[in-house]
Amino acid sequence: MRNFLFTLLLLVSYNMFSQGTADNGDMYTEFLTNQTEEIGLQDEKKDKFIEISQKYFEKSAEVRNSDESRFSKFKKFKSISNEKDNELKTLLSEEEFKKYKSIQQENRKLLKERYKENKNKKQN
């Protein structure tokens, strides 16, 4: 059950930011800007964080748009997420990385709540 929820949250979060339209690109840029502010990144570190995030955003969009099975996509999303985390660990200090992971957990919680709300709306 835990893996299912993680898979669901991962897919929802990537779907939320990977639609490929200009509006969603703007939303993702705003999302990244807010993240860098919350973490406290500035100048070169902020630019590098955004560059890394964009790289993995594009990789995720490719997987999302593929015709692969959900399980296969999940495995690839998980791998992409781990690669991104490893790259960010080399960029961020330990404290900044902890803030990043905390923000990521909070975002997952919010997405889970939105998913439940949408599911309840569809059932009514």
PDB file of N, CA and C in Angstrom:
ATOM      1  N   MET A   1       0.821  -1.188   0.000  1.00  0.00           N
ATOM      2  CA  MET A   1       0.000   0.000   0.000  1.00  0.00           C
ATOM      3  C   MET A   1       0.865   1.252   0.000  1.00  0.00           C
ATOM      4  N   ARG A   2       1.941   1.228   0.785  1.00  0.00           N
ATOM      5  CA  ARG A   2       2.840   2.379   0.860  1.00  0.00           C
ATOM      6  C   ARG A   2       3.472   2.655  -0.505  1.00  0.00           C
ATOM      7  N   ASN A   3       3.903   1.592  -1.187  1.00  0.00           N
ATOM      8  CA  ASN A   3       4.488   1.762  -2.518  1.00  0.00           C
ATOM      9  C   ASN A   3       3.468   2.305  -3.503  1.00  0.00           C
ATOM     10  N   PHE A   4       2.225   1.847  -3.370  1.00  0.00           N
ATOM     11  CA  PHE A   4       1.180   2.342  -4.264  1.00  0.00           C
ATOM     12  C   PHE A   4       0.976   3.838  -4.071  1.00  0.00           C
ATOM     13  N   LEU A   5       0.902   4.284  -2.813  1.00  0.00           N
ATOM     14  CA  LEU A   5       0.721   5.710  -2.546  1.00  0.00           C
ATOM     15  C   LEU A   5       1.901   6.525  -3.062  1.00  0.00           C
ATOM     16  N   PHE A   6       3.111   6.013  -2.844  1.00  0.00           N
ATOM     17  CA  PHE A   6       4.287   6.712  -3.339  1.00  0.00           C
ATOM     18  C   PHE A   6       4.242   6.815  -4.860  1.00  0.00           C
ATOM     19  N   THR A   7       3.884   5.718  -5.515  1.00  0.00           N
ATOM     20  CA  THR A   7       3.772   5.705  -6.975  1.00  0.00           C
ATOM     21  C   THR A   7       2.738   6.712  -7.436  1.00  0.00           C
ATOM     22  N   LEU A   8       1.611   6.705  -6.795  1.00  0.00           N
ATOM     23  CA  LEU A   8       0.535   7.612  -7.146  1.00  0.00           C
ATOM     24  C   LEU A   8       0.972   9.066  -6.989  1.00  0.00           C
ATOM     25  N   LEU A   9       1.585   9.378  -5.860  1.00  0.00           N
ATOM     26  CA  LEU A   9       2.037  10.748  -5.626  1.00  0.00           C
ATOM     27  C   LEU A   9       3.106  11.166  -6.627  1.00  0.00           C
ATOM     28  N   LEU A  10       3.992  10.252  -6.927  1.00  0.00           N
ATOM     29  CA  LEU A  10       5.043  10.548  -7.887  1.00  0.00           C
ATOM     30  C   LEU A  10       4.456  10.837  -9.261  1.00  0.00           C
ATOM     31  N   LEU A  11       3.530   9.995  -9.688  1.00  0.00           N
ATOM     32  CA  LEU A  11       2.893  10.194 -10.995  1.00  0.00           C
ATOM     33  C   LEU A  11       2.084  11.480 -11.035  1.00  0.00           C
ATOM     34  N   VAL A  12       1.340  11.750  -9.972  1.00  0.00           N
ATOM     35  CA  VAL A  12       0.532  12.968  -9.928  1.00  0.00           C
ATOM     36  C   VAL A  12       1.419  14.199  -9.958  1.00  0.00           C
ATOM     37  N   SER A  13       2.509  14.168  -9.185  1.00  0.00           N
ATOM     38  CA  SER A  13       3.377  15.339  -9.161  1.00  0.00           C
ATOM     39  C   SER A  13       4.045  15.578 -10.504  1.00  0.00           C
ATOM     40  N   TYR A  14       4.484  14.516 -11.173  1.00  0.00           N
ATOM     41  CA  TYR A  14       5.090  14.694 -12.481  1.00  0.00           C
ATOM     42  C   TYR A  14       4.047  15.102 -13.512  1.00  0.00           C
ATOM     43  N   ASN A  15       2.842  14.561 -13.408  1.00  0.00           N
ATOM     44  CA  ASN A  15       1.776  14.975 -14.318  1.00  0.00           C
ATOM     45  C   ASN A  15       1.427  16.436 -14.119  1.00  0.00           C
ATOM     46  N   MET A  16       1.435  16.861 -12.877  1.00  0.00           N
ATOM     47  CA  MET A  16       1.092  18.242 -12.573  1.00  0.00           C
ATOM     48  C   MET A  16       2.043  19.224 -13.255  1.00  0.00           C
ATOM     49  N   PHE A  17       3.297  18.855 -13.355  1.00  0.00           N
ATOM     50  CA  PHE A  17       4.297  19.767 -13.904  1.00  0.00           C
ATOM     51  C   PHE A  17       4.791  19.380 -15.288  1.00  0.00           C
ATOM     52  N   SER A  18       4.223  18.357 -15.904  1.00  0.00           N
ATOM     53  CA  SER A  18       4.771  17.866 -17.165  1.00  0.00           C
ATOM     54  C   SER A  18       3.777  17.898 -18.320  1.00  0.00           C
ATOM     55  N   GLN A  19       2.850  18.794 -18.310  1.00  0.00           N
ATOM     56  CA  GLN A  19       1.844  18.799 -19.356  1.00  0.00           C
ATOM     57  C   GLN A  19       2.376  19.348 -20.672  1.00  0.00           C
ATOM     58  N   GLY A  20       3.401  20.160 -20.633  1.00  0.00           N
ATOM     59  CA  GLY A  20       4.015  20.634 -21.865  1.00  0.00           C
ATOM     60  C   GLY A  20       3.418  21.914 -22.425  1.00  0.00           C
ATOM     61  N   THR A  21       2.461  22.523 -21.743  1.00  0.00           N
ATOM     62  CA  THR A  21       1.892  23.775 -22.224  1.00  0.00           C
ATOM     63  C   THR A  21       2.658  24.936 -21.616  1.00  0.00           C
ATOM     64  N   ALA A  22       2.476  26.098 -22.214  1.00  0.00           N
ATOM     65  CA  ALA A  22       3.172  27.286 -21.714  1.00  0.00           C
ATOM     66  C   ALA A  22       2.735  27.606 -20.287  1.00  0.00           C
ATOM     67  N   ASP A  23       1.443  27.459 -19.994  1.00  0.00           N
ATOM     68  CA  ASP A  23       0.946  27.744 -18.650  1.00  0.00           C
ATOM     69  C   ASP A  23       1.602  26.846 -17.617  1.00  0.00           C
ATOM     70  N   ASN A  24       1.701  25.568 -17.919  1.00  0.00           N
ATOM     71  CA  ASN A  24       2.323  24.648 -16.977  1.00  0.00           C
ATOM     72  C   ASN A  24       3.819  24.906 -16.866  1.00  0.00           C
ATOM     73  N   GLY A  25       4.447  25.311 -17.950  1.00  0.00           N
ATOM     74  CA  GLY A  25       5.856  25.695 -17.882  1.00  0.00           C
ATOM     75  C   GLY A  25       6.041  26.883 -16.964  1.00  0.00           C
ATOM     76  N   ASP A  26       5.109  27.832 -17.050  1.00  0.00           N
ATOM     77  CA  ASP A  26       5.144  28.992 -16.160  1.00  0.00           C
ATOM     78  C   ASP A  26       4.897  28.580 -14.715  1.00  0.00           C
ATOM     79  N   MET A  27       3.957  27.645 -14.529  1.00  0.00           N
ATOM     80  CA  MET A  27       3.677  27.144 -13.179  1.00  0.00           C
ATOM     81  C   MET A  27       4.919  26.473 -12.596  1.00  0.00           C
ATOM     82  N   TYR A  28       5.603  25.690 -13.416  1.00  0.00           N
ATOM     83  CA  TYR A  28       6.787  24.983 -12.942  1.00  0.00           C
ATOM     84  C   TYR A  28       7.896  25.968 -12.603  1.00  0.00           C
ATOM     85  N   THR A  29       8.062  27.001 -13.434  1.00  0.00           N
ATOM     86  CA  THR A  29       9.065  28.028 -13.163  1.00  0.00           C
ATOM     87  C   THR A  29       8.757  28.728 -11.845  1.00  0.00           C
ATOM     88  N   GLU A  30       7.490  29.045 -11.630  1.00  0.00           N
ATOM     89  CA  GLU A  30       7.081  29.684 -10.375  1.00  0.00           C
ATOM     90  C   GLU A  30       7.311  28.746  -9.190  1.00  0.00           C
ATOM     91  N   PHE A  31       6.995  27.480  -9.389  1.00  0.00           N
ATOM     92  CA  PHE A  31       7.221  26.466  -8.362  1.00  0.00           C
ATOM     93  C   PHE A  31       8.701  26.407  -7.989  1.00  0.00           C
ATOM     94  N   LEU A  32       9.575  26.380  -8.985  1.00  0.00           N
ATOM     95  CA  LEU A  32      11.018  26.327  -8.724  1.00  0.00           C
ATOM     96  C   LEU A  32      11.499  27.587  -8.016  1.00  0.00           C
ATOM     97  N   THR A  33      10.983  28.730  -8.440  1.00  0.00           N
ATOM     98  CA  THR A  33      11.357  29.993  -7.814  1.00  0.00           C
ATOM     99  C   THR A  33      10.981  29.977  -6.339  1.00  0.00           C
ATOM    100  N   ASN A  34       9.771  29.507  -6.039  1.00  0.00           N
ATOM    101  CA  ASN A  34       9.338  29.416  -4.642  1.00  0.00           C
ATOM    102  C   ASN A  34      10.209  28.450  -3.855  1.00  0.00           C
ATOM    103  N   GLN A  35      10.559  27.334  -4.475  1.00  0.00           N
ATOM    104  CA  GLN A  35      11.420  26.353  -3.802  1.00  0.00           C
ATOM    105  C   GLN A  35      12.781  26.959  -3.468  1.00  0.00           C
ATOM    106  N   THR A  36      13.385  27.643  -4.423  1.00  0.00           N
ATOM    107  CA  THR A  36      14.710  28.217  -4.179  1.00  0.00           C
ATOM    108  C   THR A  36      14.654  29.273  -3.079  1.00  0.00           C
ATOM    109  N   GLU A  37      13.548  30.016  -3.016  1.00  0.00           N
ATOM    110  CA  GLU A  37      13.403  31.019  -1.956  1.00  0.00           C
ATOM    111  C   GLU A  37      13.247  30.352  -0.593  1.00  0.00           C
ATOM    112  N   GLU A  38      12.429  29.291  -0.530  1.00  0.00           N
ATOM    113  CA  GLU A  38      12.223  28.586   0.734  1.00  0.00           C
ATOM    114  C   GLU A  38      13.512  27.941   1.236  1.00  0.00           C
ATOM    115  N   ILE A  39      14.291  27.410   0.312  1.00  0.00           N
ATOM    116  CA  ILE A  39      15.563  26.781   0.687  1.00  0.00           C
ATOM    117  C   ILE A  39      16.591  27.848   1.044  1.00  0.00           C
ATOM    118  N   GLY A  40      16.457  29.026   0.441  1.00  0.00           N
ATOM    119  CA  GLY A  40      17.391  30.117   0.703  1.00  0.00           C
ATOM    120  C   GLY A  40      18.538  30.172  -0.289  1.00  0.00           C
ATOM    121  N   LEU A  41      18.311  29.686  -1.507  1.00  0.00           N
ATOM    122  CA  LEU A  41      19.369  29.676  -2.523  1.00  0.00           C
ATOM    123  C   LEU A  41      19.440  31.019  -3.227  1.00  0.00           C
ATOM    124  N   GLN A  42      20.659  31.384  -3.596  1.00  0.00           N
ATOM    125  CA  GLN A  42      20.864  32.642  -4.305  1.00  0.00           C
ATOM    126  C   GLN A  42      21.941  32.473  -5.366  1.00  0.00           C
ATOM    127  N   ASP A  43      21.890  33.381  -6.335  1.00  0.00           N
ATOM    128  CA  ASP A  43      22.898  33.516  -7.376  1.00  0.00           C
ATOM    129  C   ASP A  43      23.189  32.203  -8.117  1.00  0.00           C
ATOM    130  N   GLU A  44      24.462  31.804  -8.137  1.00  0.00           N
ATOM    131  CA  GLU A  44      24.877  30.637  -8.922  1.00  0.00           C
ATOM    132  C   GLU A  44      24.233  29.344  -8.435  1.00  0.00           C
ATOM    133  N   LYS A  45      24.093  29.191  -7.132  1.00  0.00           N
ATOM    134  CA  LYS A  45      23.479  27.989  -6.586  1.00  0.00           C
ATOM    135  C   LYS A  45      22.015  27.881  -7.020  1.00  0.00           C
ATOM    136  N   LYS A  46      21.332  29.009  -7.006  1.00  0.00           N
ATOM    137  CA  LYS A  46      19.930  29.050  -7.428  1.00  0.00           C
ATOM    138  C   LYS A  46      19.824  28.678  -8.908  1.00  0.00           C
ATOM    139  N   ASP A  47      20.677  29.264  -9.725  1.00  0.00           N
ATOM    140  CA  ASP A  47      20.660  28.972 -11.167  1.00  0.00           C
ATOM    141  C   ASP A  47      20.957  27.499 -11.436  1.00  0.00           C
ATOM    142  N   LYS A  48      21.927  26.937 -10.731  1.00  0.00           N
ATOM    143  CA  LYS A  48      22.290  25.532 -10.911  1.00  0.00           C
ATOM    144  C   LYS A  48      21.151  24.622 -10.442  1.00  0.00           C
ATOM    145  N   PHE A  49      20.482  24.974  -9.340  1.00  0.00           N
ATOM    146  CA  PHE A  49      19.341  24.208  -8.844  1.00  0.00           C
ATOM    147  C   PHE A  49      18.236  24.168  -9.895  1.00  0.00           C
ATOM    148  N   ILE A  50      17.944  25.312 -10.482  1.00  0.00           N
ATOM    149  CA  ILE A  50      16.903  25.394 -11.511  1.00  0.00           C
ATOM    150  C   ILE A  50      17.318  24.590 -12.746  1.00  0.00           C
ATOM    151  N   GLU A  51      18.573  24.681 -13.121  1.00  0.00           N
ATOM    152  CA  GLU A  51      19.081  23.920 -14.274  1.00  0.00           C
ATOM    153  C   GLU A  51      18.929  22.413 -14.052  1.00  0.00           C
ATOM    154  N   ILE A  52      19.307  21.934 -12.879  1.00  0.00           N
ATOM    155  CA  ILE A  52      19.195  20.514 -12.552  1.00  0.00           C
ATOM    156  C   ILE A  52      17.723  20.096 -12.559  1.00  0.00           C
ATOM    157  N   SER A  53      16.891  20.900 -11.935  1.00  0.00           N
ATOM    158  CA  SER A  53      15.459  20.584 -11.869  1.00  0.00           C
ATOM    159  C   SER A  53      14.832  20.527 -13.254  1.00  0.00           C
ATOM    160  N   GLN A  54      15.201  21.456 -14.120  1.00  0.00           N
ATOM    161  CA  GLN A  54      14.676  21.467 -15.487  1.00  0.00           C
ATOM    162  C   GLN A  54      15.108  20.216 -16.253  1.00  0.00           C
ATOM    163  N   LYS A  55      16.353  19.812 -16.044  1.00  0.00           N
ATOM    164  CA  LYS A  55      16.862  18.620 -16.725  1.00  0.00           C
ATOM    165  C   LYS A  55      16.019  17.396 -16.363  1.00  0.00           C
ATOM    166  N   TYR A  56      15.747  17.227 -15.086  1.00  0.00           N
ATOM    167  CA  TYR A  56      14.980  16.061 -14.649  1.00  0.00           C
ATOM    168  C   TYR A  56      13.489  16.216 -14.934  1.00  0.00           C
ATOM    169  N   PHE A  57      13.010  17.437 -15.009  1.00  0.00           N
ATOM    170  CA  PHE A  57      11.636  17.707 -15.429  1.00  0.00           C
ATOM    171  C   PHE A  57      11.431  17.202 -16.857  1.00  0.00           C
ATOM    172  N   GLU A  58      12.393  17.490 -17.725  1.00  0.00           N
ATOM    173  CA  GLU A  58      12.314  17.041 -19.121  1.00  0.00           C
ATOM    174  C   GLU A  58      12.396  15.520 -19.227  1.00  0.00           C
ATOM    175  N   LYS A  59      13.280  14.907 -18.433  1.00  0.00           N
ATOM    176  CA  LYS A  59      13.371  13.444 -18.436  1.00  0.00           C
ATOM    177  C   LYS A  59      12.045  12.827 -17.990  1.00  0.00           C
ATOM    178  N   SER A  60      11.442  13.413 -16.977  1.00  0.00           N
ATOM    179  CA  SER A  60      10.164  12.908 -16.467  1.00  0.00           C
ATOM    180  C   SER A  60       9.050  13.069 -17.494  1.00  0.00           C
ATOM    181  N   ALA A  61       9.062  14.177 -18.207  1.00  0.00           N
ATOM    182  CA  ALA A  61       8.041  14.402 -19.235  1.00  0.00           C
ATOM    183  C   ALA A  61       8.145  13.344 -20.330  1.00  0.00           C
ATOM    184  N   GLU A  62       9.364  12.978 -20.690  1.00  0.00           N
ATOM    185  CA  GLU A  62       9.554  11.941 -21.703  1.00  0.00           C
ATOM    186  C   GLU A  62       8.971  10.613 -21.236  1.00  0.00           C
ATOM    187  N   VAL A  63       9.213  10.269 -19.995  1.00  0.00           N
ATOM    188  CA  VAL A  63       8.681   9.015 -19.452  1.00  0.00           C
ATOM    189  C   VAL A  63       7.159   9.089 -19.385  1.00  0.00           C
ATOM    190  N   ARG A  64       6.628  10.190 -18.888  1.00  0.00           N
ATOM    191  CA  ARG A  64       5.185  10.351 -18.759  1.00  0.00           C
ATOM    192  C   ARG A  64       4.488  10.212 -20.098  1.00  0.00           C
ATOM    193  N   ASN A  65       5.096  10.730 -21.142  1.00  0.00           N
ATOM    194  CA  ASN A  65       4.487  10.701 -22.472  1.00  0.00           C
ATOM    195  C   ASN A  65       4.734   9.398 -23.223  1.00  0.00           C
ATOM    196  N   SER A  66       5.474   8.491 -22.626  1.00  0.00           N
ATOM    197  CA  SER A  66       5.769   7.223 -23.294  1.00  0.00           C
ATOM    198  C   SER A  66       4.573   6.271 -23.195  1.00  0.00           C
ATOM    199  N   ASP A  67       4.627   5.214 -23.978  1.00  0.00           N
ATOM    200  CA  ASP A  67       3.564   4.211 -23.984  1.00  0.00           C
ATOM    201  C   ASP A  67       3.871   3.034 -23.063  1.00  0.00           C
ATOM    202  N   GLU A  68       4.792   3.208 -22.174  1.00  0.00           N
ATOM    203  CA  GLU A  68       5.192   2.126 -21.281  1.00  0.00           C
ATOM    204  C   GLU A  68       4.112   1.863 -20.232  1.00  0.00           C
ATOM    205  N   SER A  69       4.211   0.720 -19.577  1.00  0.00           N
ATOM    206  CA  SER A  69       3.262   0.371 -18.523  1.00  0.00           C
ATOM    207  C   SER A  69       3.458   1.296 -17.323  1.00  0.00           C
ATOM    208  N   ARG A  70       2.450   1.358 -16.476  1.00  0.00           N
ATOM    209  CA  ARG A  70       2.544   2.195 -15.277  1.00  0.00           C
ATOM    210  C   ARG A  70       3.689   1.746 -14.387  1.00  0.00           C
ATOM    211  N   PHE A  71       3.850   0.440 -14.259  1.00  0.00           N
ATOM    212  CA  PHE A  71       4.924  -0.077 -13.421  1.00  0.00           C
ATOM    213  C   PHE A  71       6.292   0.335 -13.963  1.00  0.00           C
ATOM    214  N   SER A  72       6.451   0.229 -15.270  1.00  0.00           N
ATOM    215  CA  SER A  72       7.706   0.624 -15.899  1.00  0.00           C
ATOM    216  C   SER A  72       7.958   2.116 -15.713  1.00  0.00           C
ATOM    217  N   LYS A  73       6.899   2.897 -15.869  1.00  0.00           N
ATOM    218  CA  LYS A  73       7.027   4.342 -15.665  1.00  0.00           C
ATOM    219  C   LYS A  73       7.406   4.637 -14.217  1.00  0.00           C
ATOM    220  N   PHE A  74       6.752   3.942 -13.284  1.00  0.00           N
ATOM    221  CA  PHE A  74       7.055   4.153 -11.875  1.00  0.00           C
ATOM    222  C   PHE A  74       8.526   3.915 -11.593  1.00  0.00           C
ATOM    223  N   LYS A  75       9.062   2.799 -12.105  1.00  0.00           N
ATOM    224  CA  LYS A  75      10.470   2.482 -11.888  1.00  0.00           C
ATOM    225  C   LYS A  75      11.371   3.578 -12.457  1.00  0.00           C
ATOM    226  N   LYS A  76      11.013   4.077 -13.639  1.00  0.00           N
ATOM    227  CA  LYS A  76      11.820   5.139 -14.253  1.00  0.00           C
ATOM    228  C   LYS A  76      11.699   6.452 -13.482  1.00  0.00           C
ATOM    229  N   PHE A  77      10.477   6.778 -13.029  1.00  0.00           N
ATOM    230  CA  PHE A  77      10.301   7.992 -12.231  1.00  0.00           C
ATOM    231  C   PHE A  77      11.115   7.917 -10.942  1.00  0.00           C
ATOM    232  N   LYS A  78      11.097   6.766 -10.320  1.00  0.00           N
ATOM    233  CA  LYS A  78      11.855   6.562  -9.086  1.00  0.00           C
ATOM    234  C   LYS A  78      13.349   6.736  -9.350  1.00  0.00           C
ATOM    235  N   SER A  79      13.824   6.171 -10.451  1.00  0.00           N
ATOM    236  CA  SER A  79      15.234   6.297 -10.824  1.00  0.00           C
ATOM    237  C   SER A  79      15.593   7.756 -11.103  1.00  0.00           C
ATOM    238  N   ILE A  80      14.734   8.447 -11.826  1.00  0.00           N
ATOM    239  CA  ILE A  80      14.974   9.865 -12.130  1.00  0.00           C
ATOM    240  C   ILE A  80      15.019  10.674 -10.846  1.00  0.00           C
ATOM    241  N   SER A  81      14.092  10.393  -9.939  1.00  0.00           N
ATOM    242  CA  SER A  81      14.051  11.102  -8.662  1.00  0.00           C
ATOM    243  C   SER A  81      15.335  10.866  -7.864  1.00  0.00           C
ATOM    244  N   ASN A  82      15.802   9.633  -7.842  1.00  0.00           N
ATOM    245  CA  ASN A  82      17.045   9.319  -7.127  1.00  0.00           C
ATOM    246  C   ASN A  82      18.250  10.004  -7.761  1.00  0.00           C
ATOM    247  N   GLU A  83      18.295  10.022  -9.092  1.00  0.00           N
ATOM    248  CA  GLU A  83      19.390  10.699  -9.790  1.00  0.00           C
ATOM    249  C   GLU A  83      19.399  12.192  -9.455  1.00  0.00           C
ATOM    250  N   LYS A  84      18.217  12.783  -9.471  1.00  0.00           N
ATOM    251  CA  LYS A  84      18.113  14.215  -9.159  1.00  0.00           C
ATOM    252  C   LYS A  84      18.583  14.474  -7.733  1.00  0.00           C
ATOM    253  N   ASP A  85      18.111  13.659  -6.785  1.00  0.00           N
ATOM    254  CA  ASP A  85      18.524  13.833  -5.392  1.00  0.00           C
ATOM    255  C   ASP A  85      20.037  13.723  -5.245  1.00  0.00           C
ATOM    256  N   ASN A  86      20.635  12.745  -5.911  1.00  0.00           N
ATOM    257  CA  ASN A  86      22.085  12.576  -5.826  1.00  0.00           C
ATOM    258  C   ASN A  86      22.822  13.788  -6.388  1.00  0.00           C
ATOM    259  N   GLU A  87      22.317  14.322  -7.485  1.00  0.00           N
ATOM    260  CA  GLU A  87      22.959  15.502  -8.071  1.00  0.00           C
ATOM    261  C   GLU A  87      22.778  16.723  -7.169  1.00  0.00           C
ATOM    262  N   LEU A  88      21.587  16.855  -6.577  1.00  0.00           N
ATOM    263  CA  LEU A  88      21.342  17.994  -5.682  1.00  0.00           C
ATOM    264  C   LEU A  88      22.166  17.893  -4.401  1.00  0.00           C
ATOM    265  N   LYS A  89      22.450  16.670  -3.947  1.00  0.00           N
ATOM    266  CA  LYS A  89      23.277  16.498  -2.757  1.00  0.00           C
ATOM    267  C   LYS A  89      24.671  17.087  -2.957  1.00  0.00           C
ATOM    268  N   THR A  90      25.165  17.029  -4.198  1.00  0.00           N
ATOM    269  CA  THR A  90      26.499  17.590  -4.466  1.00  0.00           C
ATOM    270  C   THR A  90      26.457  19.110  -4.548  1.00  0.00           C
ATOM    271  N   LEU A  91      25.290  19.659  -4.848  1.00  0.00           N
ATOM    272  CA  LEU A  91      25.150  21.114  -4.980  1.00  0.00           C
ATOM    273  C   LEU A  91      24.815  21.770  -3.648  1.00  0.00           C
ATOM    274  N   LEU A  92      23.881  21.191  -2.919  1.00  0.00           N
ATOM    275  CA  LEU A  92      23.345  21.814  -1.715  1.00  0.00           C
ATOM    276  C   LEU A  92      24.118  21.401  -0.476  1.00  0.00           C
ATOM    277  N   SER A  93      24.095  22.296   0.506  1.00  0.00           N
ATOM    278  CA  SER A  93      24.653  21.924   1.810  1.00  0.00           C
ATOM    279  C   SER A  93      23.700  20.925   2.451  1.00  0.00           C
ATOM    280  N   GLU A  94      24.141  20.309   3.531  1.00  0.00           N
ATOM    281  CA  GLU A  94      23.307  19.321   4.215  1.00  0.00           C
ATOM    282  C   GLU A  94      21.991  19.958   4.678  1.00  0.00           C
ATOM    283  N   GLU A  95      22.078  21.151   5.226  1.00  0.00           N
ATOM    284  CA  GLU A  95      20.882  21.857   5.714  1.00  0.00           C
ATOM    285  C   GLU A  95      19.948  22.226   4.557  1.00  0.00           C
ATOM    286  N   GLU A  96      20.500  22.706   3.457  1.00  0.00           N
ATOM    287  CA  GLU A  96      19.674  23.056   2.293  1.00  0.00           C
ATOM    288  C   GLU A  96      18.984  21.817   1.716  1.00  0.00           C
ATOM    289  N   PHE A  97      19.713  20.706   1.684  1.00  0.00           N
ATOM    290  CA  PHE A  97      19.126  19.479   1.162  1.00  0.00           C
ATOM    291  C   PHE A  97      17.991  18.998   2.074  1.00  0.00           C
ATOM    292  N   LYS A  98      18.162  19.134   3.375  1.00  0.00           N
ATOM    293  CA  LYS A  98      17.100  18.768   4.313  1.00  0.00           C
ATOM    294  C   LYS A  98      15.857  19.631   4.072  1.00  0.00           C
ATOM    295  N   LYS A  99      16.061  20.916   3.833  1.00  0.00           N
ATOM    296  CA  LYS A  99      14.932  21.812   3.532  1.00  0.00           C
ATOM    297  C   LYS A  99      14.247  21.386   2.236  1.00  0.00           C
ATOM    298  N   TYR A 100      15.053  21.053   1.241  1.00  0.00           N
ATOM    299  CA  TYR A 100      14.516  20.599  -0.050  1.00  0.00           C
ATOM    300  C   TYR A 100      13.650  19.352   0.148  1.00  0.00           C
ATOM    301  N   LYS A 101      14.151  18.365   0.894  1.00  0.00           N
ATOM    302  CA  LYS A 101      13.405  17.125   1.126  1.00  0.00           C
ATOM    303  C   LYS A 101      12.132  17.406   1.943  1.00  0.00           C
ATOM    304  N   SER A 102      12.214  18.315   2.870  1.00  0.00           N
ATOM    305  CA  SER A 102      11.046  18.684   3.670  1.00  0.00           C
ATOM    306  C   SER A 102       9.967  19.317   2.787  1.00  0.00           C
ATOM    307  N   ILE A 103      10.370  20.200   1.904  1.00  0.00           N
ATOM    308  CA  ILE A 103       9.436  20.830   0.964  1.00  0.00           C
ATOM    309  C   ILE A 103       8.828  19.765   0.059  1.00  0.00           C
ATOM    310  N   GLN A 104       9.645  18.848  -0.396  1.00  0.00           N
ATOM    311  CA  GLN A 104       9.183  17.762  -1.259  1.00  0.00           C
ATOM    312  C   GLN A 104       8.127  16.912  -0.528  1.00  0.00           C
ATOM    313  N   GLN A 105       8.359  16.596   0.734  1.00  0.00           N
ATOM    314  CA  GLN A 105       7.394  15.817   1.525  1.00  0.00           C
ATOM    315  C   GLN A 105       6.081  16.581   1.681  1.00  0.00           C
ATOM    316  N   GLU A 106       6.176  17.875   1.964  1.00  0.00           N
ATOM    317  CA  GLU A 106       4.974  18.695   2.116  1.00  0.00           C
ATOM    318  C   GLU A 106       4.182  18.748   0.806  1.00  0.00           C
ATOM    319  N   ASN A 107       4.884  18.877  -0.305  1.00  0.00           N
ATOM    320  CA  ASN A 107       4.210  18.896  -1.605  1.00  0.00           C
ATOM    321  C   ASN A 107       3.508  17.569  -1.881  1.00  0.00           C
ATOM    322  N   ARG A 108       4.130  16.474  -1.520  1.00  0.00           N
ATOM    323  CA  ARG A 108       3.497  15.165  -1.689  1.00  0.00           C
ATOM    324  C   ARG A 108       2.229  15.055  -0.852  1.00  0.00           C
ATOM    325  N   LYS A 109       2.306  15.575   0.367  1.00  0.00           N
ATOM    326  CA  LYS A 109       1.140  15.555   1.241  1.00  0.00           C
ATOM    327  C   LYS A 109      -0.007  16.367   0.617  1.00  0.00           C
ATOM    328  N   LEU A 110       0.315  17.533   0.084  1.00  0.00           N
ATOM    329  CA  LEU A 110      -0.706  18.368  -0.562  1.00  0.00           C
ATOM    330  C   LEU A 110      -1.299  17.680  -1.790  1.00  0.00           C
ATOM    331  N   LEU A 111      -0.451  17.049  -2.572  1.00  0.00           N
ATOM    332  CA  LEU A 111      -0.939  16.339  -3.757  1.00  0.00           C
ATOM    333  C   LEU A 111      -1.844  15.178  -3.368  1.00  0.00           C
ATOM    334  N   LYS A 112      -1.493  14.500  -2.306  1.00  0.00           N
ATOM    335  CA  LYS A 112      -2.311  13.390  -1.824  1.00  0.00           C
ATOM    336  C   LYS A 112      -3.689  13.897  -1.408  1.00  0.00           C
ATOM    337  N   GLU A 113      -3.719  15.022  -0.710  1.00  0.00           N
ATOM    338  CA  GLU A 113      -4.990  15.614  -0.299  1.00  0.00           C
ATOM    339  C   GLU A 113      -5.819  16.030  -1.512  1.00  0.00           C
ATOM    340  N   ARG A 114      -5.188  16.642  -2.491  1.00  0.00           N
ATOM    341  CA  ARG A 114      -5.901  17.041  -3.712  1.00  0.00           C
ATOM    342  C   ARG A 114      -6.452  15.836  -4.446  1.00  0.00           C
ATOM    343  N   TYR A 115      -5.672  14.772  -4.486  1.00  0.00           N
ATOM    344  CA  TYR A 115      -6.122  13.549  -5.144  1.00  0.00           C
ATOM    345  C   TYR A 115      -7.371  13.011  -4.451  1.00  0.00           C
ATOM    346  N   LYS A 116      -7.361  12.982  -3.119  1.00  0.00           N
ATOM    347  CA  LYS A 116      -8.509  12.495  -2.367  1.00  0.00           C
ATOM    348  C   LYS A 116      -9.733  13.380  -2.613  1.00  0.00           C
ATOM    349  N   GLU A 117      -9.515  14.699  -2.634  1.00  0.00           N
ATOM    350  CA  GLU A 117     -10.623  15.622  -2.890  1.00  0.00           C
ATOM    351  C   GLU A 117     -11.217  15.393  -4.275  1.00  0.00           C
ATOM    352  N   ASN A 118     -10.361  15.260  -5.266  1.00  0.00           N
ATOM    353  CA  ASN A 118     -10.841  15.017  -6.639  1.00  0.00           C
ATOM    354  C   ASN A 118     -11.553  13.684  -6.746  1.00  0.00           C
ATOM    355  N   LYS A 119     -11.054  12.685  -6.063  1.00  0.00           N
ATOM    356  CA  LYS A 119     -11.673  11.364  -6.087  1.00  0.00           C
ATOM    357  C   LYS A 119     -13.061  11.432  -5.455  1.00  0.00           C
ATOM    358  N   ASN A 120     -13.170  12.160  -4.344  1.00  0.00           N
ATOM    359  CA  ASN A 120     -14.470  12.311  -3.677  1.00  0.00           C
ATOM    360  C   ASN A 120     -15.454  13.095  -4.541  1.00  0.00           C
ATOM    361  N   LYS A 121     -14.987  14.099  -5.246  1.00  0.00           N
ATOM    362  CA  LYS A 121     -15.859  14.866  -6.143  1.00  0.00           C
ATOM    363  C   LYS A 121     -16.401  13.990  -7.264  1.00  0.00           C
ATOM    364  N   LYS A 122     -15.560  13.130  -7.802  1.00  0.00           N
ATOM    365  CA  LYS A 122     -15.984  12.258  -8.889  1.00  0.00           C
ATOM    366  C   LYS A 122     -17.001  11.229  -8.416  1.00  0.00           C
ATOM    367  N   GLN A 123     -16.881  10.802  -7.163  1.00  0.00           N
ATOM    368  CA  GLN A 123     -17.802   9.795  -6.623  1.00  0.00           C
ATOM    369  C   GLN A 123     -19.169  10.404  -6.311  1.00  0.00           C
ATOM    370  N   ASN A 124     -19.224  11.692  -6.049  1.00  0.00           N
ATOM    371  CA  ASN A 124     -20.498  12.362  -5.717  1.00  0.00           C
ATOM    372  C   ASN A 124     -21.211  12.757  -6.927  1.00  0.00           C
TER     373      ASN A 124
END
